Every structure is written in structure tokens, then in C-alpha cells.
Protein backbone atom coordinates (compact mmCIF):
# COMPACT_ATOMS: atom_id res chain seq x y z
CA MET A 1 154.15 -2.85 -44.89
CA THR A 2 150.73 -3.77 -46.32
CA GLN A 3 150.67 -6.96 -44.29
CA ALA A 4 151.51 -4.91 -41.10
CA ILE A 5 148.79 -2.62 -41.65
CA ASP A 6 146.24 -5.44 -42.27
CA ALA A 7 147.41 -7.18 -39.29
CA LYS A 8 147.07 -4.19 -37.10
CA SER A 9 143.52 -3.67 -38.61
CA SER A 10 142.69 -7.30 -38.17
CA ALA A 11 143.69 -6.93 -34.45
CA ASN A 12 141.87 -3.61 -33.95
CA SER A 13 138.73 -5.32 -35.32
CA LEU A 14 139.25 -8.15 -32.83
CA VAL A 15 139.67 -5.69 -29.87
CA VAL A 16 136.56 -3.78 -30.92
CA GLU A 17 134.42 -6.79 -30.97
CA MET A 18 135.89 -8.00 -27.48
CA ALA A 19 135.31 -4.63 -26.06
CA LYS A 20 131.73 -4.47 -27.17
CA ALA A 21 130.99 -8.02 -25.45
CA MET A 22 132.36 -6.53 -21.99
CA PRO A 23 129.70 -5.76 -19.43
CA LEU A 24 131.82 -3.21 -17.78
CA PRO A 25 132.88 0.08 -19.12
CA LEU A 26 135.98 -0.58 -21.12
CA ILE A 27 138.39 1.50 -22.92
CA VAL A 28 141.46 0.13 -25.02
CA ILE A 29 144.40 2.53 -25.61
CA GLY A 30 146.94 1.83 -28.40
CA ASN A 31 150.71 2.24 -28.30
CA ASP A 32 150.27 5.69 -29.94
CA GLU A 33 148.41 6.65 -26.55
CA ARG A 34 144.97 7.16 -28.37
CA VAL A 35 141.81 5.51 -27.49
CA VAL A 36 141.27 2.58 -30.08
CA VAL A 37 137.72 1.83 -28.82
CA ALA A 38 135.57 2.49 -25.74
CA ASN A 39 132.54 0.18 -25.65
CA GLN A 40 128.74 1.49 -24.79
CA ARG A 41 129.28 1.61 -21.22
CA ALA A 42 132.44 3.50 -21.29
CA GLU A 43 130.53 6.12 -23.76
CA GLU A 44 127.87 6.36 -21.05
CA LEU A 45 130.61 7.38 -18.57
CA PHE A 46 132.73 9.58 -20.71
CA GLY A 47 130.57 10.58 -23.29
CA LYS A 48 130.62 9.87 -27.28
CA GLY A 49 133.60 10.75 -29.50
CA THR A 50 136.25 9.24 -27.37
CA HIS A 51 137.57 7.18 -30.34
CA GLY A 52 141.05 8.60 -31.62
CA ARG A 53 141.47 11.03 -28.72
CA HIS A 54 144.64 11.00 -26.51
CA TYR A 55 143.73 9.07 -23.32
CA ILE A 56 144.70 12.17 -21.15
CA THR A 57 141.72 14.15 -22.64
CA VAL A 58 139.11 11.45 -21.69
CA LEU A 59 140.25 10.47 -18.39
CA ARG A 60 141.78 13.40 -16.74
CA GLN A 61 142.21 12.03 -13.20
CA PRO A 62 146.11 12.29 -12.23
CA MET A 63 146.44 8.86 -10.33
CA LEU A 64 144.58 6.97 -12.98
CA LEU A 65 146.69 8.68 -15.75
CA ASP A 66 149.92 7.79 -13.91
CA ALA A 67 148.99 4.21 -13.56
CA ILE A 68 148.13 3.96 -17.34
CA GLU A 69 151.30 5.76 -18.40
CA ASN A 70 153.34 3.23 -16.32
CA VAL A 71 151.63 0.26 -18.00
CA LEU A 72 152.10 1.86 -21.48
CA ARG A 73 155.88 2.34 -20.58
CA LEU A 74 156.71 -0.76 -18.80
CA GLY A 75 153.83 -3.31 -19.46
CA GLY A 76 152.38 -5.34 -16.88
CA GLU A 77 149.32 -4.32 -14.94
CA ALA A 78 148.18 -1.67 -12.42
CA ASN A 79 145.18 -0.81 -10.31
CA ALA A 80 143.69 2.67 -9.65
CA THR A 81 140.35 4.35 -8.79
CA TYR A 82 138.20 6.71 -10.60
CA ARG A 83 135.51 8.89 -9.06
CA VAL A 84 133.00 11.04 -10.74
CA SER A 85 130.13 13.34 -9.64
CA GLU A 86 126.63 12.84 -10.86
CA SER A 87 124.14 15.51 -9.82
CA ALA A 88 123.94 14.93 -5.83
CA ARG A 89 125.78 11.36 -6.15
CA ASP A 90 129.34 10.44 -6.40
CA ARG A 91 130.05 7.31 -8.47
CA HIS A 92 133.18 5.23 -7.45
CA PHE A 93 135.17 2.64 -9.67
CA ASP A 94 137.89 0.48 -9.32
CA VAL A 95 140.13 0.48 -12.29
CA LYS A 96 141.99 -2.53 -13.72
CA ILE A 97 144.72 -1.56 -16.08
CA ARG A 98 146.44 -4.35 -18.01
CA ALA A 99 148.93 -4.61 -21.03
CA ALA A 100 147.75 -6.90 -23.96
CA LEU A 101 149.17 -8.12 -27.14
CA THR A 102 147.15 -9.05 -30.03
CA LYS A 103 148.82 -10.38 -33.16
CA ASP A 104 151.96 -8.52 -32.44
CA VAL A 105 150.10 -5.22 -31.71
CA GLY A 106 150.07 -3.73 -28.07
CA TYR A 107 147.39 -2.40 -26.23
CA VAL A 108 146.42 -1.18 -22.76
CA VAL A 109 142.98 -2.29 -21.49
CA VAL A 110 141.38 -0.20 -18.88
CA ALA A 111 138.29 -1.58 -17.04
CA PHE A 112 136.24 0.19 -14.71
CA GLU A 113 134.29 -1.80 -12.14
CA ASP A 114 131.38 0.15 -10.27
CA LYS A 115 131.84 0.11 -6.57
CA THR A 116 129.36 2.98 -5.70
CA GLU A 117 126.79 0.71 -3.95
CA LEU A 118 129.55 -0.85 -2.06
CA GLN A 119 131.14 2.31 -1.05
CA GLU A 120 127.49 3.74 -0.01
CA ALA A 121 126.82 0.61 1.96
CA GLY A 122 130.09 1.02 3.85
CA GLN A 123 129.41 4.63 4.55
CA MET A 124 125.87 3.70 5.84
CA ARG A 125 127.41 1.23 8.14
CA ARG A 126 129.88 3.91 9.40
CA ASP A 127 127.08 6.50 9.81
CA PHE A 128 124.78 3.84 11.46
CA VAL A 129 127.53 2.90 14.11
CA ALA A 130 128.38 6.43 14.82
CA ASN A 131 124.69 7.41 15.33
CA VAL A 132 124.01 4.42 17.45
CA SER A 133 126.93 5.38 19.55
CA HIS A 134 126.10 8.64 19.78
CA GLU A 135 122.28 7.95 20.65
CA LEU A 136 123.47 5.66 23.51
CA ARG A 137 126.11 7.54 24.81
CA THR A 138 124.19 10.59 25.79
CA PRO A 139 121.80 8.70 28.11
CA LEU A 140 124.35 6.57 29.36
CA THR A 141 126.86 9.45 30.24
CA ALA A 142 123.74 10.95 32.17
CA VAL A 143 123.15 7.71 34.13
CA LEU A 144 126.73 7.32 35.11
CA GLY A 145 127.07 10.95 36.11
CA PHE A 146 123.88 10.64 38.29
CA ILE A 147 125.37 7.47 39.93
CA GLU A 148 128.41 9.01 40.79
CA THR A 149 126.70 11.92 42.29
CA LEU A 150 124.54 9.77 44.31
CA LEU A 151 127.47 7.68 45.58
CA GLY A 152 129.44 10.77 46.54
CA PRO A 153 127.98 14.30 47.32
CA ALA A 154 124.18 13.36 47.34
CA ALA A 155 124.59 10.07 49.12
CA ASN A 156 122.43 11.41 51.98
CA ASP A 157 120.30 14.07 50.32
CA SER A 158 116.86 12.31 49.88
CA ALA A 159 115.43 15.14 47.77
CA ALA A 160 118.22 15.06 45.32
CA ARG A 161 118.13 11.27 45.08
CA ALA A 162 114.60 10.88 44.20
CA ARG A 163 114.94 13.67 41.53
CA PHE A 164 118.18 11.85 40.09
CA LEU A 165 116.46 8.43 40.23
CA THR A 166 113.67 9.80 38.16
CA ILE A 167 115.89 11.25 35.66
CA MET A 168 118.02 8.04 35.53
CA ASP A 169 114.76 5.94 34.90
CA ASN A 170 113.80 8.13 32.22
CA GLU A 171 117.26 7.75 30.54
CA ALA A 172 117.49 4.05 31.13
CA LYS A 173 113.95 3.72 29.33
CA ARG A 174 115.19 5.79 26.50
CA MET A 175 118.05 3.51 26.01
CA ASN A 176 115.83 0.35 26.27
CA ARG A 177 113.66 2.01 23.34
CA ILE A 178 116.55 2.61 21.15
CA VAL A 179 117.61 -0.97 21.83
CA GLY A 180 114.21 -2.19 21.13
CA ASP A 181 113.91 -0.28 17.99
CA LEU A 182 117.26 -1.36 16.72
CA LEU A 183 116.52 -5.09 17.26
CA SER A 184 113.03 -4.42 15.51
CA LEU A 185 114.68 -2.82 12.66
CA SER A 186 117.18 -5.82 12.53
CA ARG A 187 114.59 -8.40 12.35
CA VAL A 188 112.71 -6.51 9.59
CA GLU A 189 115.81 -6.13 7.40
CA ALA A 190 116.40 -9.96 7.98
CA ASP A 191 113.00 -10.84 6.42
CA ARG A 192 112.80 -8.02 4.01
CA ARG A 193 113.11 -10.68 0.86
CA VAL A 194 110.55 -13.06 2.44
CA ARG A 195 106.94 -11.81 1.52
CA PRO A 196 104.63 -12.47 4.46
CA ARG A 197 101.61 -14.75 3.30
CA ASP A 198 99.09 -14.54 6.20
CA ALA A 199 95.60 -12.79 5.61
CA VAL A 200 95.12 -9.49 7.58
CA ASN A 201 92.31 -7.25 8.03
CA ILE A 202 93.50 -3.85 7.75
CA PRO A 203 90.50 -2.27 9.28
CA SER A 204 90.70 -4.38 12.35
CA VAL A 205 94.23 -3.89 12.88
CA VAL A 206 93.77 0.11 12.58
CA ARG A 207 90.88 -0.19 15.16
CA SER A 208 92.97 -2.14 17.38
CA VAL A 209 96.00 0.32 17.18
CA VAL A 210 93.47 3.38 17.96
CA GLN A 211 91.92 1.63 20.99
CA THR A 212 95.37 1.08 22.30
CA LEU A 213 96.67 4.60 21.78
CA GLN A 214 93.37 6.06 23.09
CA PRO A 215 94.92 6.80 26.46
CA LEU A 216 97.73 8.72 25.03
CA ALA A 217 95.50 10.78 22.87
CA ASP A 218 93.59 11.43 26.01
CA ALA A 219 96.20 12.57 27.91
CA ARG A 220 96.93 15.16 25.33
CA SER A 221 93.26 15.99 24.68
CA VAL A 222 93.60 14.86 21.13
CA LYS A 223 90.54 13.57 19.31
CA LEU A 224 90.99 10.31 17.31
CA ARG A 225 88.63 10.22 14.13
CA LEU A 226 88.46 6.97 12.34
CA GLU A 227 86.70 6.68 9.12
CA GLY A 228 86.19 3.66 6.82
CA ASP A 229 86.73 0.73 9.39
CA ASP A 230 83.49 -0.95 8.53
CA ALA A 231 85.04 -2.29 5.36
CA ASP A 232 86.61 -5.68 5.30
CA ASP A 233 89.86 -5.15 3.38
CA MET A 234 92.23 -8.13 3.39
CA VAL A 235 95.91 -8.03 2.40
CA GLN A 236 98.67 -10.64 2.42
CA GLY A 237 100.99 -9.52 5.43
CA ASP A 238 102.37 -9.92 8.88
CA GLN A 239 99.90 -8.54 11.35
CA ASP A 240 102.45 -7.58 14.13
CA GLN A 241 104.50 -5.75 11.71
CA LEU A 242 101.65 -3.95 10.22
CA THR A 243 100.40 -3.31 13.61
CA GLN A 244 103.96 -1.66 14.43
CA VAL A 245 103.52 0.49 11.22
CA PHE A 246 100.18 1.96 12.06
CA THR A 247 101.12 2.29 15.82
CA ASN A 248 104.22 4.45 14.95
CA LEU A 249 102.30 6.60 12.57
CA VAL A 250 99.33 7.33 14.88
CA GLU A 251 101.39 7.81 17.95
CA ASN A 252 103.55 10.18 15.99
CA ALA A 253 100.45 12.13 14.92
CA ILE A 254 99.34 12.41 18.45
CA LYS A 255 102.61 13.40 20.04
CA TYR A 256 103.69 15.90 17.41
CA GLY A 257 100.18 17.47 16.66
CA PRO A 258 98.83 20.13 19.18
CA VAL A 259 97.27 19.68 22.39
CA ASN A 260 93.36 19.71 22.07
CA GLY A 261 94.00 18.92 18.29
CA GLU A 262 92.42 16.20 16.18
CA VAL A 263 94.21 13.15 14.27
CA SER A 264 92.28 11.43 11.54
CA ILE A 265 92.67 8.04 10.26
CA CYS A 266 90.81 7.14 6.99
CA ILE A 267 90.90 3.76 5.34
CA THR A 268 89.91 3.61 1.65
CA SER A 269 89.91 0.93 -0.92
CA HIS A 270 90.68 1.85 -4.57
CA ALA A 271 90.27 -0.67 -7.45
CA VAL A 272 93.05 0.99 -9.17
CA GLU A 273 95.75 2.82 -7.14
CA PRO A 274 97.96 4.74 -9.36
CA THR A 275 100.98 4.34 -6.82
CA MET A 276 100.56 0.42 -7.23
CA ARG A 277 99.11 0.38 -10.63
CA GLY A 278 96.42 -2.03 -9.16
CA PRO A 279 94.01 -2.62 -6.46
CA ALA A 280 95.09 -1.49 -3.12
CA VAL A 281 93.90 -0.21 0.35
CA ARG A 282 95.25 3.15 1.50
CA VAL A 283 95.26 4.42 5.19
CA ASP A 284 95.89 8.19 5.55
CA VAL A 285 96.98 9.34 9.11
CA ALA A 286 96.64 13.16 9.28
CA ASP A 287 97.43 15.46 12.18
CA GLN A 288 96.98 19.15 12.71
CA GLY A 289 100.69 20.09 13.57
CA GLU A 290 102.96 22.49 12.34
CA GLY A 291 103.98 20.68 9.33
CA ILE A 292 107.27 19.53 7.97
CA PRO A 293 109.33 21.78 5.79
CA ALA A 294 109.72 20.41 2.32
CA HIS A 295 113.53 19.93 2.47
CA HIS A 296 113.10 17.38 5.24
CA ILE A 297 110.65 15.01 3.80
CA PRO A 298 112.75 12.89 1.43
CA ARG A 299 114.87 12.12 4.49
CA LEU A 300 112.33 11.31 7.25
CA THR A 301 112.79 7.57 6.74
CA GLU A 302 116.52 7.69 7.33
CA ARG A 303 117.72 6.17 10.46
CA PHE A 304 118.12 8.56 13.33
CA TYR A 305 117.09 11.41 11.22
CA ARG A 306 114.89 14.00 12.90
CA VAL A 307 113.42 17.23 11.87
CA ASP A 308 113.70 18.61 15.59
CA ALA A 309 116.16 16.48 17.56
CA HIS A 310 115.32 17.99 20.92
CA ARG A 311 111.79 17.82 20.64
CA SER A 312 111.91 14.23 19.28
CA ARG A 313 114.02 13.17 22.37
CA GLU A 314 111.44 15.01 24.71
CA MET A 315 108.72 13.10 23.29
CA GLY A 316 110.52 9.80 23.63
CA GLY A 317 111.49 9.40 20.07
CA THR A 318 114.38 7.26 18.69
CA GLY A 319 114.67 8.71 15.34
CA LEU A 320 114.06 4.98 14.00
CA GLY A 321 110.33 4.78 13.77
CA LEU A 322 109.93 5.88 10.13
CA ALA A 323 112.87 3.80 9.01
CA ILE A 324 110.92 0.55 10.64
CA VAL A 325 107.87 1.74 8.84
CA LYS A 326 109.70 1.96 5.39
CA HIS A 327 111.30 -1.49 5.60
CA ILE A 328 108.16 -3.16 6.87
CA LEU A 329 106.29 -1.57 4.03
CA THR A 330 108.97 -2.59 1.46
CA ARG A 331 108.65 -6.12 2.60
CA HIS A 332 104.84 -5.95 2.01
CA ARG A 333 105.53 -4.42 -1.50
CA GLY A 334 103.61 -1.23 0.02
CA ARG A 335 104.44 2.46 -0.33
CA LEU A 336 104.57 5.33 2.08
CA ARG A 337 103.73 8.63 1.06
CA ILE A 338 104.27 11.99 2.92
CA GLU A 339 102.52 15.27 2.31
CA SER A 340 102.97 18.28 4.47
CA HIS A 341 102.75 21.97 4.47
CA ALA A 342 104.15 24.35 7.08
CA GLY A 343 101.03 25.35 9.30
CA ASN A 344 98.79 22.88 7.82
CA GLY A 345 99.89 19.63 9.39
CA SER A 346 101.05 16.31 7.94
CA CYS A 347 99.53 13.24 6.34
CA PHE A 348 101.33 10.00 6.23
CA SER A 349 99.62 7.57 3.83
CA VAL A 350 100.02 3.71 3.83
CA ILE A 351 99.30 2.02 0.55
CA LEU A 352 99.19 -1.90 0.53
CA PRO A 353 98.46 -4.09 -2.62
CA TYR A 354 95.56 -6.49 -2.31
CA GLU A 355 97.49 -9.16 -3.92
């Protein structure tokens, strides 16, 4: 009897040490259906004090409990899933359940493999495909409808033909912008781990963007005010991509700010930028628009996310501009900061490290 107890104690000690060494959350259940050991990662997931408790009181999810019960009763192995909500995020685990025998002592080992990021990536892909399909279907449906009308009832109506062709031209250009932005986003994502090494003069890039967008500003009677462009702030970067960043931000400020308003672009150099914990150049693009409600700000860089979808489409927006900006800045180890208050306009700040 004493030998049996000693054997069981020795086996338990071995199991505990092995469980501690596992990088995954792991729970070991004895033949008495109580938890023999839960390693540190399992305690982070289920809380402390699981040792000695019945496994049902720890795990609680019916499908997982059924799988464990079958392995306890019949041996062998089983797979299950486990899902837990943490604040605003759901975590998903693949669970491997295996019967094990150590020095004539039986156990059931339950290992949890975190698949949350994989689940989220899959959901992002599904959402992305759905959004792309929706964004392209709307103008495509309009074009096909007008073509059908022009081939039929409006075949000899010159006034209708001119009006329809104008609309078709706008819708075709919209599809072209969406495809162009998708290709741009794809290229940026493909290079996101490759840090650019060219020397780029930020004030020069911003001046060029302002000159390019001046006709658009003039058309809306918007004044572009540029400050700090007389410096010589050089960063390591991709000039074309950084041009795209500032073009997107200044263009948005012009389009979504008021007619007869002002857009200010301010370039400043910081020996110690708190955001970067080191020297950096900062470019602030501020408009005098309606402002953005606070609950929208965290989602502005999501693909196809719009505060006002109808207005965005009217302005020629694709919903991808800020997503492209975010990915480009990530590649440059930079940051995008957004400040906005209802009725007081918005300020989009680009922060780029010198090194």
C-alpha cells in the first residue's frame, strides 16, 4: 500500500514538472476526475486555485467536458474547442485531450493551443472579401444598368445618353480608384517587414504635395497654410510612399473641411518625441471641418471604414486611404495620431523617427 502511494506521489511530481515546462496552457486530470496540476499559463487562463478541484468546475463548457469525459472513460484521445471572452475580445483555443499512463498511474492531459490570431485573420479576410465585393458591386451594377438602358429604351435619346455616359464615367473611375488603392495596399503589405533605406527630405515632400493639391484647394476656395518647410529634416524612407501618406491626409483635409476654409500643415522637429522615445519629425495636418465623433477615431484606419459612407463616396473616397497611411507608417516605424473634437475640426499627425 505504501509503495503504491509512493509510486503515485512520484508520478504526480513528474507530471507537475512536465506540465510546468510546457509552453501551452495545460491541465492534467487524475482518475478521480480532479485537477492534478495546472501550469502557469493555465492559471492565467482559468485563475489560480484549480488544483484539487473537479475538472467540471474549472472548464465548464459542455462540448469540452463531454470530450474529457469520453477520454476518462474510454482512454485514447479527443479534440475540442474552447472559447473565452476577455473584455471586447474573444479568445479561441484548439484543445487536445490525451490519456496518459505514468508508472501505472492514469491521467488525462488537456492542452490548449491559442488560435485567436488565426481566427481573427480568417475573419478579416472574410470581411475584406465581402467589403471589396460590396464596394465594386455598387458601381458595377449602376454601369450595367445604364448600358442596358442605352441599348434599349434610351438608344435614340441623345440627352439621356449624355447624362448616362457621364454617370457611367464617374462609376468606372470610382471602380478604378478602388482597384488602384487595393493594389497599393497590397504592395505596402508585401513590403511591410522591409524597412526602406533611402534618405527622404520631409519638408521637400510636403511642399511637393501642397503644390500638387493646390488646384483642388483652389476649386473649394480652401487656403493651404504651410509652416516649418524651411528646415532640412531627413529620414530613412520610401519617397513615393511618404508622398502618398501626405497626399492622402492633405487631400482628405481639403475635401472634408468647409468651403472657404483653411488647412494648415505644420512641420516640426523634436529632439525627444515622447511617442517615439527619441528624435523625430512631426507633420500635423489640421482642418476646420465638423470633427469626428470620438467613438469613430479608433476605427478610422480599418479598411473600408467610413464615418459618413455616403459623403465619402460623393467625394470619391474608397475607404482605403487611411488604411494605406497606417501600413506605410508601420513600415517606416512611424506613428499616426488623430485628434478631433465635434465642431472644432481634426488634426492628423505623422511622426517619423530620424533613425
